[in-house]
Amino acid sequence: MKTDASQPEVVNPSRLAVLERRAPAYVALDCETRAAVDTACAAYHLNRKEQTLRGWACLENGPIRPLRMHGRLMWPTAKLRELCGVA
């Protein structure tokens, strides 16, 4: 089956919603304005799995220590910038 290259591909709106949920958009680390970010965002910037960061927090043996706020782990943005070499 041939498709015409001049016509744009039609994406099912429900499929688009699934794709958008799977690919969260994170702010670049040098543009981040928050003092600390959640585990998912920190893991994205460090190119690690979230569970790795949770292990670092539990065992206190990682290159960065999180803050604990209301039972949640928050990772300092300044320390993330140092680890990633972002000015």
PDB file of N, CA and C in Angstrom:
ATOM      1  N   MET A   1       0.828  -1.154   0.000  1.00  0.00           N
ATOM      2  CA  MET A   1       0.000   0.000   0.000  1.00  0.00           C
ATOM      3  C   MET A   1       0.889   1.239   0.000  1.00  0.00           C
ATOM      4  N   LYS A   2       0.659   2.135  -0.914  1.00  0.00           N
ATOM      5  CA  LYS A   2       1.424   3.369  -1.005  1.00  0.00           C
ATOM      6  C   LYS A   2       0.697   4.482  -0.263  1.00  0.00           C
ATOM      7  N   THR A   3       1.481   5.362   0.341  1.00  0.00           N
ATOM      8  CA  THR A   3       0.897   6.541   0.976  1.00  0.00           C
ATOM      9  C   THR A   3       1.421   7.768   0.271  1.00  0.00           C
ATOM     10  N   ASP A   4       0.597   8.760   0.210  1.00  0.00           N
ATOM     11  CA  ASP A   4       0.977  10.014  -0.424  1.00  0.00           C
ATOM     12  C   ASP A   4       1.809  10.828   0.558  1.00  0.00           C
ATOM     13  N   ALA A   5       3.032  11.175   0.189  1.00  0.00           N
ATOM     14  CA  ALA A   5       3.941  11.886   1.079  1.00  0.00           C
ATOM     15  C   ALA A   5       3.486  13.319   1.335  1.00  0.00           C
ATOM     16  N   SER A   6       2.614  13.858   0.490  1.00  0.00           N
ATOM     17  CA  SER A   6       2.187  15.239   0.663  1.00  0.00           C
ATOM     18  C   SER A   6       1.112  15.381   1.737  1.00  0.00           C
ATOM     19  N   GLN A   7       0.472  14.283   2.117  1.00  0.00           N
ATOM     20  CA  GLN A   7      -0.562  14.350   3.142  1.00  0.00           C
ATOM     21  C   GLN A   7       0.036  14.036   4.506  1.00  0.00           C
ATOM     22  N   PRO A   8      -0.296  14.838   5.520  1.00  0.00           N
ATOM     23  CA  PRO A   8       0.249  14.570   6.859  1.00  0.00           C
ATOM     24  C   PRO A   8      -0.366  13.316   7.462  1.00  0.00           C
ATOM     25  N   GLU A   9       0.410  12.660   8.317  1.00  0.00           N
ATOM     26  CA  GLU A   9      -0.069  11.455   8.983  1.00  0.00           C
ATOM     27  C   GLU A   9      -1.118  11.834  10.016  1.00  0.00           C
ATOM     28  N   VAL A  10      -2.214  11.124  10.042  1.00  0.00           N
ATOM     29  CA  VAL A  10      -3.285  11.381  10.992  1.00  0.00           C
ATOM     30  C   VAL A  10      -3.051  10.495  12.209  1.00  0.00           C
ATOM     31  N   VAL A  11      -3.031  11.120  13.396  1.00  0.00           N
ATOM     32  CA  VAL A  11      -2.811  10.389  14.632  1.00  0.00           C
ATOM     33  C   VAL A  11      -4.109  10.379  15.425  1.00  0.00           C
ATOM     34  N   ASN A  12      -4.472   9.213  15.875  1.00  0.00           N
ATOM     35  CA  ASN A  12      -5.655   9.064  16.695  1.00  0.00           C
ATOM     36  C   ASN A  12      -5.473   9.876  17.980  1.00  0.00           C
ATOM     37  N   PRO A  13      -6.432  10.748  18.356  1.00  0.00           N
ATOM     38  CA  PRO A  13      -6.273  11.580  19.552  1.00  0.00           C
ATOM     39  C   PRO A  13      -6.058  10.779  20.833  1.00  0.00           C
ATOM     40  N   SER A  14      -6.685   9.623  20.961  1.00  0.00           N
ATOM     41  CA  SER A  14      -6.470   8.830  22.172  1.00  0.00           C
ATOM     42  C   SER A  14      -5.043   8.274  22.208  1.00  0.00           C
ATOM     43  N   ARG A  15      -4.499   7.939  21.067  1.00  0.00           N
ATOM     44  CA  ARG A  15      -3.111   7.462  20.989  1.00  0.00           C
ATOM     45  C   ARG A  15      -2.141   8.596  21.320  1.00  0.00           C
ATOM     46  N   LEU A  16      -2.463   9.802  20.876  1.00  0.00           N
ATOM     47  CA  LEU A  16      -1.621  10.958  21.156  1.00  0.00           C
ATOM     48  C   LEU A  16      -1.567  11.227  22.656  1.00  0.00           C
ATOM     49  N   ALA A  17      -2.699  11.074  23.325  1.00  0.00           N
ATOM     50  CA  ALA A  17      -2.737  11.269  24.770  1.00  0.00           C
ATOM     51  C   ALA A  17      -1.849  10.251  25.480  1.00  0.00           C
ATOM     52  N   VAL A  18      -1.833   9.026  25.011  1.00  0.00           N
ATOM     53  CA  VAL A  18      -0.973   7.998  25.603  1.00  0.00           C
ATOM     54  C   VAL A  18       0.484   8.349  25.391  1.00  0.00           C
ATOM     55  N   LEU A  19       0.841   8.800  24.212  1.00  0.00           N
ATOM     56  CA  LEU A  19       2.225   9.172  23.914  1.00  0.00           C
ATOM     57  C   LEU A  19       2.671  10.354  24.772  1.00  0.00           C
ATOM     58  N   GLU A  20       1.792  11.312  24.986  1.00  0.00           N
ATOM     59  CA  GLU A  20       2.147  12.468  25.797  1.00  0.00           C
ATOM     60  C   GLU A  20       2.361  12.077  27.256  1.00  0.00           C
ATOM     61  N   ARG A  21       1.585  11.105  27.758  1.00  0.00           N
ATOM     62  CA  ARG A  21       1.757  10.654  29.134  1.00  0.00           C
ATOM     63  C   ARG A  21       3.069   9.919  29.318  1.00  0.00           C
ATOM     64  N   ARG A  22       3.502   9.207  28.319  1.00  0.00           N
ATOM     65  CA  ARG A  22       4.720   8.407  28.446  1.00  0.00           C
ATOM     66  C   ARG A  22       5.989   9.234  28.354  1.00  0.00           C
ATOM     67  N   ALA A  23       5.938  10.376  27.735  1.00  0.00           N
ATOM     68  CA  ALA A  23       7.132  11.189  27.540  1.00  0.00           C
ATOM     69  C   ALA A  23       6.982  12.524  28.259  1.00  0.00           C
ATOM     70  N   PRO A  24       7.246  12.546  29.571  1.00  0.00           N
ATOM     71  CA  PRO A  24       7.119  13.813  30.286  1.00  0.00           C
ATOM     72  C   PRO A  24       8.192  14.799  29.829  1.00  0.00           C
ATOM     73  N   ALA A  25       7.828  16.028  29.779  1.00  0.00           N
ATOM     74  CA  ALA A  25       8.769  17.067  29.360  1.00  0.00           C
ATOM     75  C   ALA A  25       9.396  17.674  30.615  1.00  0.00           C
ATOM     76  N   TYR A  26      10.694  17.595  30.711  1.00  0.00           N
ATOM     77  CA  TYR A  26      11.402  18.182  31.836  1.00  0.00           C
ATOM     78  C   TYR A  26      12.122  19.435  31.379  1.00  0.00           C
ATOM     79  N   VAL A  27      12.192  20.399  32.271  1.00  0.00           N
ATOM     80  CA  VAL A  27      12.893  21.649  31.993  1.00  0.00           C
ATOM     81  C   VAL A  27      14.388  21.364  32.015  1.00  0.00           C
ATOM     82  N   ALA A  28      15.128  22.001  31.129  1.00  0.00           N
ATOM     83  CA  ALA A  28      16.582  21.837  31.126  1.00  0.00           C
ATOM     84  C   ALA A  28      17.134  22.264  32.484  1.00  0.00           C
ATOM     85  N   LEU A  29      18.154  21.595  32.941  1.00  0.00           N
ATOM     86  CA  LEU A  29      18.685  21.830  34.283  1.00  0.00           C
ATOM     87  C   LEU A  29      19.191  23.258  34.457  1.00  0.00           C
ATOM     88  N   ASP A  30      19.748  23.840  33.423  1.00  0.00           N
ATOM     89  CA  ASP A  30      20.237  25.220  33.544  1.00  0.00           C
ATOM     90  C   ASP A  30      19.096  26.241  33.563  1.00  0.00           C
ATOM     91  N   CYS A  31      17.898  25.830  33.185  1.00  0.00           N
ATOM     92  CA  CYS A  31      16.730  26.719  33.215  1.00  0.00           C
ATOM     93  C   CYS A  31      15.804  26.422  34.390  1.00  0.00           C
ATOM     94  N   GLU A  32      16.134  25.424  35.181  1.00  0.00           N
ATOM     95  CA  GLU A  32      15.283  25.034  36.310  1.00  0.00           C
ATOM     96  C   GLU A  32      15.294  26.126  37.367  1.00  0.00           C
ATOM     97  N   THR A  33      14.099  26.545  37.813  1.00  0.00           N
ATOM     98  CA  THR A  33      13.993  27.618  38.802  1.00  0.00           C
ATOM     99  C   THR A  33      13.683  27.096  40.198  1.00  0.00           C
ATOM    100  N   ARG A  34      13.279  25.833  40.315  1.00  0.00           N
ATOM    101  CA  ARG A  34      12.969  25.278  41.631  1.00  0.00           C
ATOM    102  C   ARG A  34      14.266  24.982  42.393  1.00  0.00           C
ATOM    103  N   ALA A  35      14.216  25.120  43.709  1.00  0.00           N
ATOM    104  CA  ALA A  35      15.384  24.837  44.543  1.00  0.00           C
ATOM    105  C   ALA A  35      15.664  23.343  44.614  1.00  0.00           C
ATOM    106  N   ALA A  36      14.613  22.527  44.495  1.00  0.00           N
ATOM    107  CA  ALA A  36      14.759  21.070  44.543  1.00  0.00           C
ATOM    108  C   ALA A  36      13.697  20.457  43.638  1.00  0.00           C
ATOM    109  N   VAL A  37      14.021  19.298  43.081  1.00  0.00           N
ATOM    110  CA  VAL A  37      13.099  18.622  42.160  1.00  0.00           C
ATOM    111  C   VAL A  37      12.758  17.243  42.707  1.00  0.00           C
ATOM    112  N   ASP A  38      11.689  16.656  42.185  1.00  0.00           N
ATOM    113  CA  ASP A  38      11.270  15.339  42.645  1.00  0.00           C
ATOM    114  C   ASP A  38      12.190  14.252  42.088  1.00  0.00           C
ATOM    115  N   THR A  39      11.973  13.035  42.530  1.00  0.00           N
ATOM    116  CA  THR A  39      12.837  11.915  42.162  1.00  0.00           C
ATOM    117  C   THR A  39      12.813  11.628  40.672  1.00  0.00           C
ATOM    118  N   ALA A  40      11.643  11.701  40.054  1.00  0.00           N
ATOM    119  CA  ALA A  40      11.542  11.410  38.619  1.00  0.00           C
ATOM    120  C   ALA A  40      12.358  12.401  37.801  1.00  0.00           C
ATOM    121  N   CYS A  41      12.276  13.661  38.149  1.00  0.00           N
ATOM    122  CA  CYS A  41      13.022  14.693  37.417  1.00  0.00           C
ATOM    123  C   CYS A  41      14.528  14.531  37.639  1.00  0.00           C
ATOM    124  N   ALA A  42      14.927  14.272  38.879  1.00  0.00           N
ATOM    125  CA  ALA A  42      16.351  14.084  39.173  1.00  0.00           C
ATOM    126  C   ALA A  42      16.902  12.871  38.442  1.00  0.00           C
ATOM    127  N   ALA A  43      16.140  11.790  38.420  1.00  0.00           N
ATOM    128  CA  ALA A  43      16.582  10.580  37.730  1.00  0.00           C
ATOM    129  C   ALA A  43      16.738  10.845  36.234  1.00  0.00           C
ATOM    130  N   TYR A  44      15.844  11.614  35.666  1.00  0.00           N
ATOM    131  CA  TYR A  44      15.938  11.962  34.245  1.00  0.00           C
ATOM    132  C   TYR A  44      17.246  12.707  33.968  1.00  0.00           C
ATOM    133  N   HIS A  45      17.545  13.699  34.777  1.00  0.00           N
ATOM    134  CA  HIS A  45      18.749  14.506  34.543  1.00  0.00           C
ATOM    135  C   HIS A  45      20.034  13.728  34.802  1.00  0.00           C
ATOM    136  N   LEU A  46      19.996  12.782  35.729  1.00  0.00           N
ATOM    137  CA  LEU A  46      21.188  11.984  36.034  1.00  0.00           C
ATOM    138  C   LEU A  46      21.298  10.728  35.175  1.00  0.00           C
ATOM    139  N   ASN A  47      20.288  10.492  34.346  1.00  0.00           N
ATOM    140  CA  ASN A  47      20.249   9.320  33.473  1.00  0.00           C
ATOM    141  C   ASN A  47      20.335   8.028  34.294  1.00  0.00           C
ATOM    142  N   ARG A  48      19.554   7.997  35.357  1.00  0.00           N
ATOM    143  CA  ARG A  48      19.450   6.835  36.228  1.00  0.00           C
ATOM    144  C   ARG A  48      17.975   6.497  36.420  1.00  0.00           C
ATOM    145  N   LYS A  49      17.713   5.306  36.912  1.00  0.00           N
ATOM    146  CA  LYS A  49      16.334   4.933  37.234  1.00  0.00           C
ATOM    147  C   LYS A  49      15.961   5.553  38.579  1.00  0.00           C
ATOM    148  N   GLU A  50      14.670   5.805  38.743  1.00  0.00           N
ATOM    149  CA  GLU A  50      14.186   6.391  39.989  1.00  0.00           C
ATOM    150  C   GLU A  50      14.556   5.530  41.183  1.00  0.00           C
ATOM    151  N   GLN A  51      14.483   4.221  41.021  1.00  0.00           N
ATOM    152  CA  GLN A  51      14.777   3.319  42.130  1.00  0.00           C
ATOM    153  C   GLN A  51      16.237   3.420  42.566  1.00  0.00           C
ATOM    154  N   THR A  52      17.129   3.748  41.657  1.00  0.00           N
ATOM    155  CA  THR A  52      18.535   3.948  42.011  1.00  0.00           C
ATOM    156  C   THR A  52      18.666   5.117  42.969  1.00  0.00           C
ATOM    157  N   LEU A  53      17.976   6.212  42.670  1.00  0.00           N
ATOM    158  CA  LEU A  53      18.033   7.377  43.544  1.00  0.00           C
ATOM    159  C   LEU A  53      17.399   7.083  44.899  1.00  0.00           C
ATOM    160  N   ARG A  54      16.334   6.304  44.905  1.00  0.00           N
ATOM    161  CA  ARG A  54      15.716   5.926  46.178  1.00  0.00           C
ATOM    162  C   ARG A  54      16.680   5.076  47.009  1.00  0.00           C
ATOM    163  N   GLY A  55      17.429   4.219  46.339  1.00  0.00           N
ATOM    164  CA  GLY A  55      18.440   3.417  47.035  1.00  0.00           C
ATOM    165  C   GLY A  55      19.530   4.289  47.627  1.00  0.00           C
ATOM    166  N   TRP A  56      19.976   5.301  46.874  1.00  0.00           N
ATOM    167  CA  TRP A  56      20.972   6.244  47.391  1.00  0.00           C
ATOM    168  C   TRP A  56      20.449   6.931  48.649  1.00  0.00           C
ATOM    169  N   ALA A  57      19.164   7.306  48.620  1.00  0.00           N
ATOM    170  CA  ALA A  57      18.582   7.996  49.766  1.00  0.00           C
ATOM    171  C   ALA A  57      18.498   7.069  50.976  1.00  0.00           C
ATOM    172  N   CYS A  58      18.120   5.842  50.754  1.00  0.00           N
ATOM    173  CA  CYS A  58      17.951   4.880  51.840  1.00  0.00           C
ATOM    174  C   CYS A  58      19.291   4.494  52.471  1.00  0.00           C
ATOM    175  N   LEU A  59      20.251   4.194  51.635  1.00  0.00           N
ATOM    176  CA  LEU A  59      21.560   3.743  52.121  1.00  0.00           C
ATOM    177  C   LEU A  59      22.522   4.893  52.401  1.00  0.00           C
ATOM    178  N   GLU A  60      22.160   6.090  51.969  1.00  0.00           N
ATOM    179  CA  GLU A  60      22.993   7.290  52.117  1.00  0.00           C
ATOM    180  C   GLU A  60      24.403   7.076  51.577  1.00  0.00           C
ATOM    181  N   ASN A  61      24.481   6.481  50.376  1.00  0.00           N
ATOM    182  CA  ASN A  61      25.793   6.200  49.792  1.00  0.00           C
ATOM    183  C   ASN A  61      25.946   6.752  48.380  1.00  0.00           C
ATOM    184  N   GLY A  62      25.032   7.577  47.934  1.00  0.00           N
ATOM    185  CA  GLY A  62      25.095   8.102  46.575  1.00  0.00           C
ATOM    186  C   GLY A  62      25.891   9.392  46.497  1.00  0.00           C
ATOM    187  N   PRO A  63      26.080   9.883  45.294  1.00  0.00           N
ATOM    188  CA  PRO A  63      26.834  11.120  45.097  1.00  0.00           C
ATOM    189  C   PRO A  63      26.052  12.374  45.488  1.00  0.00           C
ATOM    190  N   ILE A  64      24.768  12.207  45.811  1.00  0.00           N
ATOM    191  CA  ILE A  64      23.925  13.342  46.169  1.00  0.00           C
ATOM    192  C   ILE A  64      22.953  12.885  47.250  1.00  0.00           C
ATOM    193  N   ARG A  65      22.663  13.745  48.191  1.00  0.00           N
ATOM    194  CA  ARG A  65      21.731  13.434  49.271  1.00  0.00           C
ATOM    195  C   ARG A  65      20.452  14.243  49.074  1.00  0.00           C
ATOM    196  N   PRO A  66      19.322  13.597  49.203  1.00  0.00           N
ATOM    197  CA  PRO A  66      18.061  14.308  49.033  1.00  0.00           C
ATOM    198  C   PRO A  66      17.615  15.010  50.315  1.00  0.00           C
ATOM    199  N   LEU A  67      16.700  15.934  50.144  1.00  0.00           N
ATOM    200  CA  LEU A  67      16.000  16.540  51.270  1.00  0.00           C
ATOM    201  C   LEU A  67      14.722  15.742  51.453  1.00  0.00           C
ATOM    202  N   ARG A  68      14.278  15.618  52.669  1.00  0.00           N
ATOM    203  CA  ARG A  68      13.014  14.913  52.912  1.00  0.00           C
ATOM    204  C   ARG A  68      11.984  15.948  53.338  1.00  0.00           C
ATOM    205  N   MET A  69      10.963  16.101  52.509  1.00  0.00           N
ATOM    206  CA  MET A  69       9.927  17.102  52.769  1.00  0.00           C
ATOM    207  C   MET A  69       8.568  16.414  52.776  1.00  0.00           C
ATOM    208  N   HIS A  70       7.934  16.371  53.943  1.00  0.00           N
ATOM    209  CA  HIS A  70       6.607  15.775  54.094  1.00  0.00           C
ATOM    210  C   HIS A  70       6.565  14.336  53.584  1.00  0.00           C
ATOM    211  N   GLY A  71       7.603  13.588  53.859  1.00  0.00           N
ATOM    212  CA  GLY A  71       7.654  12.187  53.457  1.00  0.00           C
ATOM    213  C   GLY A  71       8.069  11.959  52.012  1.00  0.00           C
ATOM    214  N   ARG A  72       8.454  12.998  51.322  1.00  0.00           N
ATOM    215  CA  ARG A  72       8.879  12.884  49.919  1.00  0.00           C
ATOM    216  C   ARG A  72      10.362  13.225  49.801  1.00  0.00           C
ATOM    217  N   LEU A  73      10.994  12.659  48.786  1.00  0.00           N
ATOM    218  CA  LEU A  73      12.394  12.975  48.517  1.00  0.00           C
ATOM    219  C   LEU A  73      12.461  14.125  47.514  1.00  0.00           C
ATOM    220  N   MET A  74      13.244  15.129  47.840  1.00  0.00           N
ATOM    221  CA  MET A  74      13.460  16.261  46.940  1.00  0.00           C
ATOM    222  C   MET A  74      14.965  16.410  46.756  1.00  0.00           C
ATOM    223  N   TRP A  75      15.376  16.525  45.506  1.00  0.00           N
ATOM    224  CA  TRP A  75      16.800  16.542  45.182  1.00  0.00           C
ATOM    225  C   TRP A  75      17.234  17.970  44.848  1.00  0.00           C
ATOM    226  N   PRO A  76      18.239  18.504  45.570  1.00  0.00           N
ATOM    227  CA  PRO A  76      18.661  19.895  45.368  1.00  0.00           C
ATOM    228  C   PRO A  76      19.160  20.146  43.943  1.00  0.00           C
ATOM    229  N   THR A  77      18.605  21.160  43.335  1.00  0.00           N
ATOM    230  CA  THR A  77      18.949  21.492  41.949  1.00  0.00           C
ATOM    231  C   THR A  77      20.414  21.901  41.827  1.00  0.00           C
ATOM    232  N   ALA A  78      20.921  22.624  42.801  1.00  0.00           N
ATOM    233  CA  ALA A  78      22.323  23.067  42.742  1.00  0.00           C
ATOM    234  C   ALA A  78      23.274  21.864  42.714  1.00  0.00           C
ATOM    235  N   LYS A  79      22.996  20.869  43.512  1.00  0.00           N
ATOM    236  CA  LYS A  79      23.839  19.663  43.534  1.00  0.00           C
ATOM    237  C   LYS A  79      23.708  18.877  42.217  1.00  0.00           C
ATOM    238  N   LEU A  80      22.495  18.836  41.667  1.00  0.00           N
ATOM    239  CA  LEU A  80      22.315  18.167  40.366  1.00  0.00           C
ATOM    240  C   LEU A  80      23.138  18.867  39.295  1.00  0.00           C
ATOM    241  N   ARG A  81      23.138  20.204  39.324  1.00  0.00           N
ATOM    242  CA  ARG A  81      23.936  20.959  38.341  1.00  0.00           C
ATOM    243  C   ARG A  81      25.421  20.640  38.481  1.00  0.00           C
ATOM    244  N   GLU A  82      25.901  20.541  39.731  1.00  0.00           N
ATOM    245  CA  GLU A  82      27.311  20.186  39.954  1.00  0.00           C
ATOM    246  C   GLU A  82      27.634  18.822  39.379  1.00  0.00           C
ATOM    247  N   LEU A  83      26.786  17.837  39.675  1.00  0.00           N
ATOM    248  CA  LEU A  83      27.030  16.475  39.189  1.00  0.00           C
ATOM    249  C   LEU A  83      27.006  16.392  37.671  1.00  0.00           C
ATOM    250  N   CYS A  84      26.106  17.143  37.058  1.00  0.00           N
ATOM    251  CA  CYS A  84      25.959  17.090  35.592  1.00  0.00           C
ATOM    252  C   CYS A  84      26.907  18.028  34.872  1.00  0.00           C
ATOM    253  N   GLY A  85      27.596  18.885  35.617  1.00  0.00           N
ATOM    254  CA  GLY A  85      28.533  19.814  34.996  1.00  0.00           C
ATOM    255  C   GLY A  85      27.836  20.954  34.264  1.00  0.00           C
ATOM    256  N   VAL A  86      26.673  21.334  34.759  1.00  0.00           N
ATOM    257  CA  VAL A  86      25.921  22.449  34.154  1.00  0.00           C
ATOM    258  C   VAL A  86      26.239  23.695  34.938  1.00  0.00           C
ATOM    259  N   ALA A  87      26.579  24.757  34.226  1.00  0.00           N
ATOM    260  CA  ALA A  87      26.965  26.006  34.903  1.00  0.00           C
ATOM    261  C   ALA A  87      25.798  26.762  35.440  1.00  0.00           C
TER     262      ALA A  87
END
